[in-house]
């Protein structure tokens, strides 16, 4: 989380730049729903939010929960009434959906379609004045999300900053390299599950084990929540030689866990970039072959 003083500044800035701006959401799936809930529960929420009828149940729920949110008759009405458009449809539906819409130069389009490159988006959304990509994570609904986006934008960047942390980069190539880190969620949860299961094997109640594992992970990540370039290296170096933390760190390294993590990130990046993964010697920690399509 951001320091309170910085968060307050971001909230003021985002409120100022969105004053009189209408936000539109084409497709109301899990991610757009999370964004709307996060934005509408800010200290200074947006003045108007227009929702696509796609995802009718979620759209209806949002319009009931938030006075600023209304459901449009169709996707074109979302565009007609909005200035910033959040595009949240399935990759396979993108071109068909956009083909039916009339974008205008005044529109800023924020695509949440993770696999769609900027070149395709600009073609699909022409003649929109600005087209960009954003990959937010669901905790934006609780203002604790992380979002990577490209390129930076004077209005959209503060919006995402108000929902947690936003990393805005100029080059799409850099965005692609940042995306694999979002694929670490499942591995993190699996590690937590392994720790909970081990505690249960020691006779600890499942509920107590889950609460303790969750609390420890939340606590130890606090120091790394707002890191500088050397924060992670410093935290690793702080582990006392011969201590319990250093023991686990050393044993996991010797078992190849760190190398396996790097290999998996390499393979995910290859899938995102649409190229074959690098050939390497298989080990007990190597990932199993997977469908190469994202």
C-alpha atoms as a PDB file:
ATOM      1  CA  UNK A   1       0.000   0.000   0.000  1.00  0.00           C
ATOM      2  CA  UNK A   2       1.054   3.561  -0.634  1.00  0.00           C
ATOM      3  CA  UNK A   3       1.932   5.907   2.243  1.00  0.00           C
ATOM      4  CA  UNK A   4      -1.202   7.807   3.404  1.00  0.00           C
ATOM      5  CA  UNK A   5       0.178  11.202   2.335  1.00  0.00           C
ATOM      6  CA  UNK A   6       0.943   9.970  -1.190  1.00  0.00           C
ATOM      7  CA  UNK A   7      -2.405   8.197  -1.442  1.00  0.00           C
ATOM      8  CA  UNK A   8      -4.222  11.385  -0.440  1.00  0.00           C
ATOM      9  CA  UNK A   9      -2.353  13.316  -3.137  1.00  0.00           C
ATOM     10  CA  UNK A  10      -3.243  10.701  -5.756  1.00  0.00           C
ATOM     11  CA  UNK A  11      -6.914  10.758  -4.728  1.00  0.00           C
ATOM     12  CA  UNK A  12      -7.032  14.535  -5.051  1.00  0.00           C
ATOM     13  CA  UNK A  13      -5.309  14.396  -8.448  1.00  0.00           C
ATOM     14  CA  UNK A  14      -7.523  11.629  -9.797  1.00  0.00           C
ATOM     15  CA  UNK A  15     -10.636  13.461  -8.624  1.00  0.00           C
ATOM     16  CA  UNK A  16      -9.452  16.655 -10.316  1.00  0.00           C
ATOM     17  CA  UNK A  17      -8.604  15.075 -13.667  1.00  0.00           C
ATOM     18  CA  UNK A  18     -11.836  13.023 -13.832  1.00  0.00           C
ATOM     19  CA  UNK A  19     -14.149  15.878 -12.876  1.00  0.00           C
ATOM     20  CA  UNK A  20     -16.838  15.931 -15.551  1.00  0.00           C
ATOM     21  CA  UNK A  21     -15.410  12.762 -17.147  1.00  0.00           C
ATOM     22  CA  UNK A  22     -17.669   9.758 -17.714  1.00  0.00           C
ATOM     23  CA  UNK A  23     -16.183   6.276 -17.452  1.00  0.00           C
ATOM     24  CA  UNK A  24     -17.615   3.550 -19.671  1.00  0.00           C
ATOM     25  CA  UNK A  25     -17.213  -0.215 -19.377  1.00  0.00           C
ATOM     26  CA  UNK A  26     -17.713  -2.467 -22.392  1.00  0.00           C
ATOM     27  CA  UNK A  27     -18.116  -5.960 -21.000  1.00  0.00           C
ATOM     28  CA  UNK A  28     -18.835  -6.375 -17.296  1.00  0.00           C
ATOM     29  CA  UNK A  29     -16.900  -9.461 -16.333  1.00  0.00           C
ATOM     30  CA  UNK A  30     -14.834 -10.170 -13.232  1.00  0.00           C
ATOM     31  CA  UNK A  31     -12.162  -7.550 -13.938  1.00  0.00           C
ATOM     32  CA  UNK A  32     -14.396  -4.676 -14.987  1.00  0.00           C
ATOM     33  CA  UNK A  33     -16.677  -5.404 -12.021  1.00  0.00           C
ATOM     34  CA  UNK A  34     -13.663  -5.185  -9.696  1.00  0.00           C
ATOM     35  CA  UNK A  35     -12.630  -1.873 -11.274  1.00  0.00           C
ATOM     36  CA  UNK A  36     -16.103  -0.361 -10.912  1.00  0.00           C
ATOM     37  CA  UNK A  37     -16.376  -1.448  -7.285  1.00  0.00           C
ATOM     38  CA  UNK A  38     -12.954  -0.027  -6.536  1.00  0.00           C
ATOM     39  CA  UNK A  39     -13.609   3.284  -8.283  1.00  0.00           C
ATOM     40  CA  UNK A  40     -17.094   3.758  -6.830  1.00  0.00           C
ATOM     41  CA  UNK A  41     -15.888   3.197  -3.268  1.00  0.00           C
ATOM     42  CA  UNK A  42     -13.101   5.764  -3.427  1.00  0.00           C
ATOM     43  CA  UNK A  43     -13.263   8.760  -1.111  1.00  0.00           C
ATOM     44  CA  UNK A  44     -14.013  10.797  -4.247  1.00  0.00           C
ATOM     45  CA  UNK A  45     -15.786   8.401  -6.654  1.00  0.00           C
ATOM     46  CA  UNK A  46     -16.341   9.118 -10.360  1.00  0.00           C
ATOM     47  CA  UNK A  47     -19.348  11.282 -11.176  1.00  0.00           C
ATOM     48  CA  UNK A  48     -20.753   8.905 -13.792  1.00  0.00           C
ATOM     49  CA  UNK A  49     -20.127   5.278 -14.787  1.00  0.00           C
ATOM     50  CA  UNK A  50     -21.860   3.703 -17.796  1.00  0.00           C
ATOM     51  CA  UNK A  51     -22.043  -0.102 -17.933  1.00  0.00           C
ATOM     52  CA  UNK A  52     -22.430  -2.392 -20.911  1.00  0.00           C
ATOM     53  CA  UNK A  53     -25.387  -4.809 -20.831  1.00  0.00           C
ATOM     54  CA  UNK A  54     -22.846  -7.581 -21.513  1.00  0.00           C
ATOM     55  CA  UNK A  55     -22.620  -9.353 -18.172  1.00  0.00           C
ATOM     56  CA  UNK A  56     -26.179  -8.408 -17.250  1.00  0.00           C
ATOM     57  CA  UNK A  57     -26.187  -9.812 -13.714  1.00  0.00           C
ATOM     58  CA  UNK A  58     -22.996  -8.022 -12.693  1.00  0.00           C
ATOM     59  CA  UNK A  59     -24.092  -4.792 -14.388  1.00  0.00           C
ATOM     60  CA  UNK A  60     -27.446  -4.865 -12.607  1.00  0.00           C
ATOM     61  CA  UNK A  61     -25.773  -5.506  -9.254  1.00  0.00           C
ATOM     62  CA  UNK A  62     -23.372  -2.597  -9.745  1.00  0.00           C
ATOM     63  CA  UNK A  63     -26.146  -0.201 -10.749  1.00  0.00           C
ATOM     64  CA  UNK A  64     -28.066  -1.169  -7.614  1.00  0.00           C
ATOM     65  CA  UNK A  65     -25.033  -0.709  -5.375  1.00  0.00           C
ATOM     66  CA  UNK A  66     -23.764   2.604  -6.760  1.00  0.00           C
ATOM     67  CA  UNK A  67     -25.790   5.673  -7.657  1.00  0.00           C
ATOM     68  CA  UNK A  68     -23.226   6.803 -10.242  1.00  0.00           C
ATOM     69  CA  UNK A  69     -23.503   3.532 -12.213  1.00  0.00           C
ATOM     70  CA  UNK A  70     -26.120   3.087 -14.944  1.00  0.00           C
ATOM     71  CA  UNK A  71     -26.639   0.305 -17.488  1.00  0.00           C
ATOM     72  CA  UNK A  72     -26.656   1.322 -21.144  1.00  0.00           C
ATOM     73  CA  UNK A  73     -29.021  -0.111 -23.735  1.00  0.00           C
ATOM     74  CA  UNK A  74     -26.087  -1.457 -25.758  1.00  0.00           C
ATOM     75  CA  UNK A  75     -22.324  -1.139 -26.185  1.00  0.00           C
ATOM     76  CA  UNK A  76     -22.614   1.808 -28.579  1.00  0.00           C
ATOM     77  CA  UNK A  77     -24.512   3.785 -25.966  1.00  0.00           C
ATOM     78  CA  UNK A  78     -21.602   3.197 -23.577  1.00  0.00           C
ATOM     79  CA  UNK A  79     -19.301   4.907 -26.089  1.00  0.00           C
ATOM     80  CA  UNK A  80     -21.751   7.689 -26.866  1.00  0.00           C
ATOM     81  CA  UNK A  81     -22.049   8.637 -23.194  1.00  0.00           C
ATOM     82  CA  UNK A  82     -18.440   8.079 -22.086  1.00  0.00           C
ATOM     83  CA  UNK A  83     -15.010   9.679 -22.402  1.00  0.00           C
ATOM     84  CA  UNK A  84     -12.776   6.877 -21.082  1.00  0.00           C
ATOM     85  CA  UNK A  85     -13.704   3.361 -22.223  1.00  0.00           C
ATOM     86  CA  UNK A  86     -12.528   0.253 -20.352  1.00  0.00           C
ATOM     87  CA  UNK A  87     -12.634  -2.640 -22.808  1.00  0.00           C
ATOM     88  CA  UNK A  88     -13.073  -5.932 -20.949  1.00  0.00           C
ATOM     89  CA  UNK A  89     -14.156  -8.629 -23.390  1.00  0.00           C
ATOM     90  CA  UNK A  90     -12.728 -12.056 -24.128  1.00  0.00           C
ATOM     91  CA  UNK A  91      -9.791 -12.071 -26.570  1.00  0.00           C
ATOM     92  CA  UNK A  92     -11.755 -14.111 -29.095  1.00  0.00           C
ATOM     93  CA  UNK A  93     -14.583 -11.540 -29.016  1.00  0.00           C
ATOM     94  CA  UNK A  94     -12.471  -8.395 -29.320  1.00  0.00           C
ATOM     95  CA  UNK A  95     -12.533  -7.808 -33.063  1.00  0.00           C
ATOM     96  CA  UNK A  96     -16.199  -8.715 -33.457  1.00  0.00           C
ATOM     97  CA  UNK A  97     -17.261  -6.435 -30.609  1.00  0.00           C
ATOM     98  CA  UNK A  98     -15.185  -3.484 -31.809  1.00  0.00           C
ATOM     99  CA  UNK A  99     -16.307  -3.925 -35.406  1.00  0.00           C
ATOM    100  CA  UNK A 100     -19.852  -3.024 -34.318  1.00  0.00           C
ATOM    101  CA  UNK A 101     -18.813   0.143 -32.459  1.00  0.00           C
ATOM    102  CA  UNK A 102     -18.217   3.705 -33.611  1.00  0.00           C
ATOM    103  CA  UNK A 103     -15.279   5.170 -31.710  1.00  0.00           C
ATOM    104  CA  UNK A 104     -14.511   8.887 -31.770  1.00  0.00           C
ATOM    105  CA  UNK A 105     -11.267  10.900 -31.545  1.00  0.00           C
ATOM    106  CA  UNK A 106     -12.342  12.143 -28.092  1.00  0.00           C
ATOM    107  CA  UNK A 107     -12.273   8.602 -26.678  1.00  0.00           C
ATOM    108  CA  UNK A 108      -9.519   7.174 -24.495  1.00  0.00           C
ATOM    109  CA  UNK A 109      -9.680   3.375 -24.723  1.00  0.00           C
ATOM    110  CA  UNK A 110      -8.141   1.270 -21.950  1.00  0.00           C
ATOM    111  CA  UNK A 111      -7.940  -2.362 -23.045  1.00  0.00           C
ATOM    112  CA  UNK A 112      -7.958  -5.044 -20.360  1.00  0.00           C
ATOM    113  CA  UNK A 113      -7.647  -7.762 -23.023  1.00  0.00           C
ATOM    114  CA  UNK A 114      -4.343  -9.226 -21.900  1.00  0.00           C
ATOM    115  CA  UNK A 115      -3.301 -10.808 -25.202  1.00  0.00           C
ATOM    116  CA  UNK A 116      -4.248  -7.980 -27.583  1.00  0.00           C
ATOM    117  CA  UNK A 117      -1.267  -5.893 -28.787  1.00  0.00           C
ATOM    118  CA  UNK A 118      -1.494  -2.134 -29.184  1.00  0.00           C
ATOM    119  CA  UNK A 119      -1.291  -2.340 -32.979  1.00  0.00           C
ATOM    120  CA  UNK A 120      -4.424  -4.503 -33.131  1.00  0.00           C
ATOM    121  CA  UNK A 121      -6.211  -2.380 -30.542  1.00  0.00           C
ATOM    122  CA  UNK A 122      -5.506   0.838 -32.443  1.00  0.00           C
ATOM    123  CA  UNK A 123      -6.844  -0.755 -35.599  1.00  0.00           C
ATOM    124  CA  UNK A 124      -9.982  -2.066 -33.859  1.00  0.00           C
ATOM    125  CA  UNK A 125     -10.679   1.178 -31.982  1.00  0.00           C
ATOM    126  CA  UNK A 126      -9.865   3.698 -34.715  1.00  0.00           C
ATOM    127  CA  UNK A 127     -10.292   6.695 -34.699  1.00  0.00           C
ATOM    128  CA  UNK A 128     -10.074   6.809 -30.876  1.00  0.00           C
ATOM    129  CA  UNK A 129      -7.582   9.477 -29.818  1.00  0.00           C
ATOM    130  CA  UNK A 130      -5.755   7.348 -27.240  1.00  0.00           C
ATOM    131  CA  UNK A 131      -5.485   3.569 -26.945  1.00  0.00           C
ATOM    132  CA  UNK A 132      -3.644   1.852 -24.131  1.00  0.00           C
ATOM    133  CA  UNK A 133      -3.268  -1.490 -22.355  1.00  0.00           C
ATOM    134  CA  UNK A 134      -3.709  -2.216 -18.653  1.00  0.00           C
ATOM    135  CA  UNK A 135      -3.380  -5.448 -16.682  1.00  0.00           C
ATOM    136  CA  UNK A 136      -4.966  -4.899 -13.244  1.00  0.00           C
ATOM    137  CA  UNK A 137      -5.318  -7.580 -10.576  1.00  0.00           C
ATOM    138  CA  UNK A 138      -8.687  -8.195  -8.841  1.00  0.00           C
ATOM    139  CA  UNK A 139      -7.826  -6.565  -5.461  1.00  0.00           C
ATOM    140  CA  UNK A 140      -8.329  -3.185  -7.179  1.00  0.00           C
ATOM    141  CA  UNK A 141     -11.866  -3.698  -5.841  1.00  0.00           C
ATOM    142  CA  UNK A 142     -10.462  -3.171  -2.324  1.00  0.00           C
ATOM    143  CA  UNK A 143      -7.997  -0.427  -3.384  1.00  0.00           C
ATOM    144  CA  UNK A 144      -5.146  -2.899  -2.898  1.00  0.00           C
ATOM    145  CA  UNK A 145      -4.552  -3.955  -6.472  1.00  0.00           C
ATOM    146  CA  UNK A 146      -1.520  -3.886  -8.713  1.00  0.00           C
ATOM    147  CA  UNK A 147      -1.774  -2.699 -12.311  1.00  0.00           C
ATOM    148  CA  UNK A 148       0.796  -2.624 -15.079  1.00  0.00           C
ATOM    149  CA  UNK A 149      -0.070  -0.348 -17.982  1.00  0.00           C
ATOM    150  CA  UNK A 150       1.275   1.075 -21.227  1.00  0.00           C
ATOM    151  CA  UNK A 151       1.719   3.875 -22.033  1.00  0.00           C
ATOM    152  CA  UNK A 152       1.428   6.298 -19.082  1.00  0.00           C
ATOM    153  CA  UNK A 153      -1.591   8.608 -19.201  1.00  0.00           C
ATOM    154  CA  UNK A 154      -2.306  11.807 -17.243  1.00  0.00           C
ATOM    155  CA  UNK A 155      -5.819  10.665 -16.276  1.00  0.00           C
ATOM    156  CA  UNK A 156      -5.772   6.866 -16.349  1.00  0.00           C
ATOM    157  CA  UNK A 157      -2.510   6.417 -14.418  1.00  0.00           C
ATOM    158  CA  UNK A 158      -3.800   8.336 -11.346  1.00  0.00           C
ATOM    159  CA  UNK A 159      -7.035   6.331 -11.532  1.00  0.00           C
ATOM    160  CA  UNK A 160      -5.168   3.050 -11.218  1.00  0.00           C
ATOM    161  CA  UNK A 161      -2.837   4.514  -8.565  1.00  0.00           C
ATOM    162  CA  UNK A 162      -5.923   5.299  -6.471  1.00  0.00           C
ATOM    163  CA  UNK A 163      -6.786   1.577  -6.578  1.00  0.00           C
ATOM    164  CA  UNK A 164      -3.402   0.364  -5.272  1.00  0.00           C
ATOM    165  CA  UNK A 165      -0.128   0.495  -7.183  1.00  0.00           C
ATOM    166  CA  UNK A 166       0.230   1.278 -10.886  1.00  0.00           C
ATOM    167  CA  UNK A 167       3.409   0.715 -12.872  1.00  0.00           C
ATOM    168  CA  UNK A 168       3.167   2.625 -16.152  1.00  0.00           C
ATOM    169  CA  UNK A 169       5.757   1.983 -18.865  1.00  0.00           C
ATOM    170  CA  UNK A 170       6.368   3.638 -22.219  1.00  0.00           C
ATOM    171  CA  UNK A 171       7.307   0.565 -24.263  1.00  0.00           C
ATOM    172  CA  UNK A 172       4.931  -2.302 -24.965  1.00  0.00           C
ATOM    173  CA  UNK A 173       7.966  -4.625 -24.974  1.00  0.00           C
ATOM    174  CA  UNK A 174       8.509  -3.746 -21.300  1.00  0.00           C
ATOM    175  CA  UNK A 175       4.839  -4.373 -20.516  1.00  0.00           C
ATOM    176  CA  UNK A 176       5.139  -7.882 -21.931  1.00  0.00           C
ATOM    177  CA  UNK A 177       8.178  -8.578 -19.749  1.00  0.00           C
ATOM    178  CA  UNK A 178       6.325  -7.414 -16.616  1.00  0.00           C
ATOM    179  CA  UNK A 179       3.244  -9.538 -17.290  1.00  0.00           C
ATOM    180  CA  UNK A 180       4.697 -12.978 -16.328  1.00  0.00           C
ATOM    181  CA  UNK A 181       4.999 -11.902 -12.690  1.00  0.00           C
ATOM    182  CA  UNK A 182       1.188 -11.858 -12.486  1.00  0.00           C
ATOM    183  CA  UNK A 183       1.336 -15.616 -13.173  1.00  0.00           C
ATOM    184  CA  UNK A 184       2.998 -16.205  -9.787  1.00  0.00           C
ATOM    185  CA  UNK A 185      -0.313 -16.038  -7.907  1.00  0.00           C
ATOM    186  CA  UNK A 186      -1.143 -19.721  -8.223  1.00  0.00           C
ATOM    187  CA  UNK A 187       2.350 -20.749  -7.126  1.00  0.00           C
ATOM    188  CA  UNK A 188       2.099 -18.484  -4.078  1.00  0.00           C
ATOM    189  CA  UNK A 189      -1.253 -19.925  -3.089  1.00  0.00           C
ATOM    190  CA  UNK A 190       0.096 -23.450  -3.590  1.00  0.00           C
ATOM    191  CA  UNK A 191       3.018 -22.637  -1.281  1.00  0.00           C
ATOM    192  CA  UNK A 192       0.590 -21.383   1.351  1.00  0.00           C
ATOM    193  CA  UNK A 193      -1.524 -24.525   0.926  1.00  0.00           C
ATOM    194  CA  UNK A 194       1.571 -26.708   1.350  1.00  0.00           C
ATOM    195  CA  UNK A 195       2.411 -24.890   4.599  1.00  0.00           C
ATOM    196  CA  UNK A 196      -1.174 -25.264   5.856  1.00  0.00           C
ATOM    197  CA  UNK A 197      -1.207 -28.963   4.950  1.00  0.00           C
ATOM    198  CA  UNK A 198       2.085 -29.509   6.760  1.00  0.00           C
ATOM    199  CA  UNK A 199       0.687 -27.862   9.901  1.00  0.00           C
ATOM    200  CA  UNK A 200      -2.388 -30.087   9.744  1.00  0.00           C
ATOM    201  CA  UNK A 201      -0.102 -33.127   9.485  1.00  0.00           C
ATOM    202  CA  UNK A 202       1.457 -31.914  12.745  1.00  0.00           C
ATOM    203  CA  UNK A 203      -1.984 -31.993  14.355  1.00  0.00           C
ATOM    204  CA  UNK A 204      -2.879 -28.308  14.051  1.00  0.00           C
ATOM    205  CA  UNK A 205      -6.542 -27.508  13.407  1.00  0.00           C
ATOM    206  CA  UNK A 206      -7.197 -26.621   9.735  1.00  0.00           C
ATOM    207  CA  UNK A 207      -8.752 -23.254  10.601  1.00  0.00           C
ATOM    208  CA  UNK A 208      -5.920 -22.215  12.899  1.00  0.00           C
ATOM    209  CA  UNK A 209      -3.345 -23.403  10.344  1.00  0.00           C
ATOM    210  CA  UNK A 210      -4.977 -21.380   7.556  1.00  0.00           C
ATOM    211  CA  UNK A 211      -5.239 -18.222   9.654  1.00  0.00           C
ATOM    212  CA  UNK A 212      -1.622 -18.475  10.787  1.00  0.00           C
ATOM    213  CA  UNK A 213      -0.207 -19.117   7.309  1.00  0.00           C
ATOM    214  CA  UNK A 214      -2.228 -16.254   5.850  1.00  0.00           C
ATOM    215  CA  UNK A 215      -1.173 -13.896   8.633  1.00  0.00           C
ATOM    216  CA  UNK A 216       2.533 -14.781   8.337  1.00  0.00           C
ATOM    217  CA  UNK A 217       2.603 -14.250   4.573  1.00  0.00           C
ATOM    218  CA  UNK A 218       0.743 -10.961   4.923  1.00  0.00           C
ATOM    219  CA  UNK A 219       3.106  -9.807   7.667  1.00  0.00           C
ATOM    220  CA  UNK A 220       6.397 -10.718   6.001  1.00  0.00           C
ATOM    221  CA  UNK A 221       5.352  -9.012   2.742  1.00  0.00           C
ATOM    222  CA  UNK A 222       4.794  -5.697   4.544  1.00  0.00           C
ATOM    223  CA  UNK A 223       8.455  -4.614   4.309  1.00  0.00           C
ATOM    224  CA  UNK A 224       8.483  -5.271   0.565  1.00  0.00           C
ATOM    225  CA  UNK A 225       5.164  -3.601  -0.278  1.00  0.00           C
ATOM    226  CA  UNK A 226       6.750  -0.326  -1.453  1.00  0.00           C
ATOM    227  CA  UNK A 227      10.238  -1.431  -2.553  1.00  0.00           C
ATOM    228  CA  UNK A 228      13.158   0.438  -3.984  1.00  0.00           C
ATOM    229  CA  UNK A 229      15.616  -1.088  -6.476  1.00  0.00           C
ATOM    230  CA  UNK A 230      17.630  -2.861  -3.753  1.00  0.00           C
ATOM    231  CA  UNK A 231      14.878  -3.730  -1.247  1.00  0.00           C
ATOM    232  CA  UNK A 232      14.550  -7.430  -2.072  1.00  0.00           C
ATOM    233  CA  UNK A 233      18.304  -8.020  -2.114  1.00  0.00           C
ATOM    234  CA  UNK A 234      18.631  -6.274   1.262  1.00  0.00           C
ATOM    235  CA  UNK A 235      15.825  -8.337   2.808  1.00  0.00           C
ATOM    236  CA  UNK A 236      17.462 -11.561   1.629  1.00  0.00           C
ATOM    237  CA  UNK A 237      20.841 -10.471   2.999  1.00  0.00           C
ATOM    238  CA  UNK A 238      19.261  -9.711   6.385  1.00  0.00           C
ATOM    239  CA  UNK A 239      18.648 -13.412   7.066  1.00  0.00           C
ATOM    240  CA  UNK A 240      20.885 -14.471   9.957  1.00  0.00           C
ATOM    241  CA  UNK A 241      23.557 -16.998   8.898  1.00  0.00           C
ATOM    242  CA  UNK A 242      22.718 -20.330  10.512  1.00  0.00           C
ATOM    243  CA  UNK A 243      19.238 -19.104  11.439  1.00  0.00           C
ATOM    244  CA  UNK A 244      15.935 -20.797  10.617  1.00  0.00           C
ATOM    245  CA  UNK A 245      15.021 -18.423   7.786  1.00  0.00           C
ATOM    246  CA  UNK A 246      18.469 -18.767   6.236  1.00  0.00           C
ATOM    247  CA  UNK A 247      18.148 -22.556   6.472  1.00  0.00           C
ATOM    248  CA  UNK A 248      14.919 -22.652   4.455  1.00  0.00           C
ATOM    249  CA  UNK A 249      16.327 -20.148   1.946  1.00  0.00           C
ATOM    250  CA  UNK A 250      19.497 -22.206   1.480  1.00  0.00           C
ATOM    251  CA  UNK A 251      17.708 -25.559   1.230  1.00  0.00           C
ATOM    252  CA  UNK A 252      15.189 -24.263  -1.318  1.00  0.00           C
ATOM    253  CA  UNK A 253      17.988 -22.780  -3.413  1.00  0.00           C
ATOM    254  CA  UNK A 254      19.944 -26.031  -3.306  1.00  0.00           C
ATOM    255  CA  UNK A 255      16.812 -27.926  -4.356  1.00  0.00           C
ATOM    256  CA  UNK A 256      16.560 -25.722  -7.441  1.00  0.00           C
ATOM    257  CA  UNK A 257      13.450 -23.770  -6.477  1.00  0.00           C
ATOM    258  CA  UNK A 258      14.849 -20.376  -7.494  1.00  0.00           C
ATOM    259  CA  UNK A 259      16.029 -21.704 -10.857  1.00  0.00           C
ATOM    260  CA  UNK A 260      12.641 -23.354 -11.428  1.00  0.00           C
ATOM    261  CA  UNK A 261      10.934 -20.023 -10.794  1.00  0.00           C
ATOM    262  CA  UNK A 262      13.154 -18.266 -13.338  1.00  0.00           C
ATOM    263  CA  UNK A 263      12.511 -21.048 -15.873  1.00  0.00           C
ATOM    264  CA  UNK A 264       8.754 -20.738 -15.418  1.00  0.00           C
ATOM    265  CA  UNK A 265       8.883 -16.965 -15.886  1.00  0.00           C
ATOM    266  CA  UNK A 266      10.922 -17.501 -19.082  1.00  0.00           C
ATOM    267  CA  UNK A 267       8.315 -19.976 -20.359  1.00  0.00           C
ATOM    268  CA  UNK A 268       5.372 -17.706 -19.540  1.00  0.00           C
ATOM    269  CA  UNK A 269       7.049 -14.809 -21.347  1.00  0.00           C
ATOM    270  CA  UNK A 270       7.554 -17.042 -24.388  1.00  0.00           C
ATOM    271  CA  UNK A 271       3.819 -17.836 -24.437  1.00  0.00           C
ATOM    272  CA  UNK A 272       2.914 -14.146 -24.095  1.00  0.00           C
ATOM    273  CA  UNK A 273       5.260 -13.240 -26.955  1.00  0.00           C
ATOM    274  CA  UNK A 274       3.972 -16.120 -29.084  1.00  0.00           C
ATOM    275  CA  UNK A 275       7.284 -17.916 -29.502  1.00  0.00           C
ATOM    276  CA  UNK A 276       8.595 -21.361 -28.487  1.00  0.00           C
ATOM    277  CA  UNK A 277      10.074 -21.685 -25.023  1.00  0.00           C
ATOM    278  CA  UNK A 278      13.827 -22.159 -24.831  1.00  0.00           C
ATOM    279  CA  UNK A 279      14.999 -25.757 -24.833  1.00  0.00           C
ATOM    280  CA  UNK A 280      16.600 -26.763 -21.552  1.00  0.00           C
ATOM    281  CA  UNK A 281      17.539 -29.881 -19.670  1.00  0.00           C
ATOM    282  CA  UNK A 282      14.520 -31.197 -17.797  1.00  0.00           C
ATOM    283  CA  UNK A 283      14.862 -31.500 -14.032  1.00  0.00           C
ATOM    284  CA  UNK A 284      12.584 -32.567 -11.199  1.00  0.00           C
ATOM    285  CA  UNK A 285      11.621 -28.899 -10.862  1.00  0.00           C
ATOM    286  CA  UNK A 286      11.038 -28.203 -14.559  1.00  0.00           C
ATOM    287  CA  UNK A 287       7.527 -27.238 -15.594  1.00  0.00           C
ATOM    288  CA  UNK A 288       5.571 -29.811 -17.555  1.00  0.00           C
ATOM    289  CA  UNK A 289       4.780 -29.157 -21.229  1.00  0.00           C
ATOM    290  CA  UNK A 290       1.696 -26.990 -21.745  1.00  0.00           C
ATOM    291  CA  UNK A 291      -0.469 -25.677 -24.534  1.00  0.00           C
ATOM    292  CA  UNK A 292       1.683 -22.915 -26.109  1.00  0.00           C
ATOM    293  CA  UNK A 293      -1.314 -20.637 -26.709  1.00  0.00           C
ATOM    294  CA  UNK A 294      -1.903 -17.980 -23.958  1.00  0.00           C
END
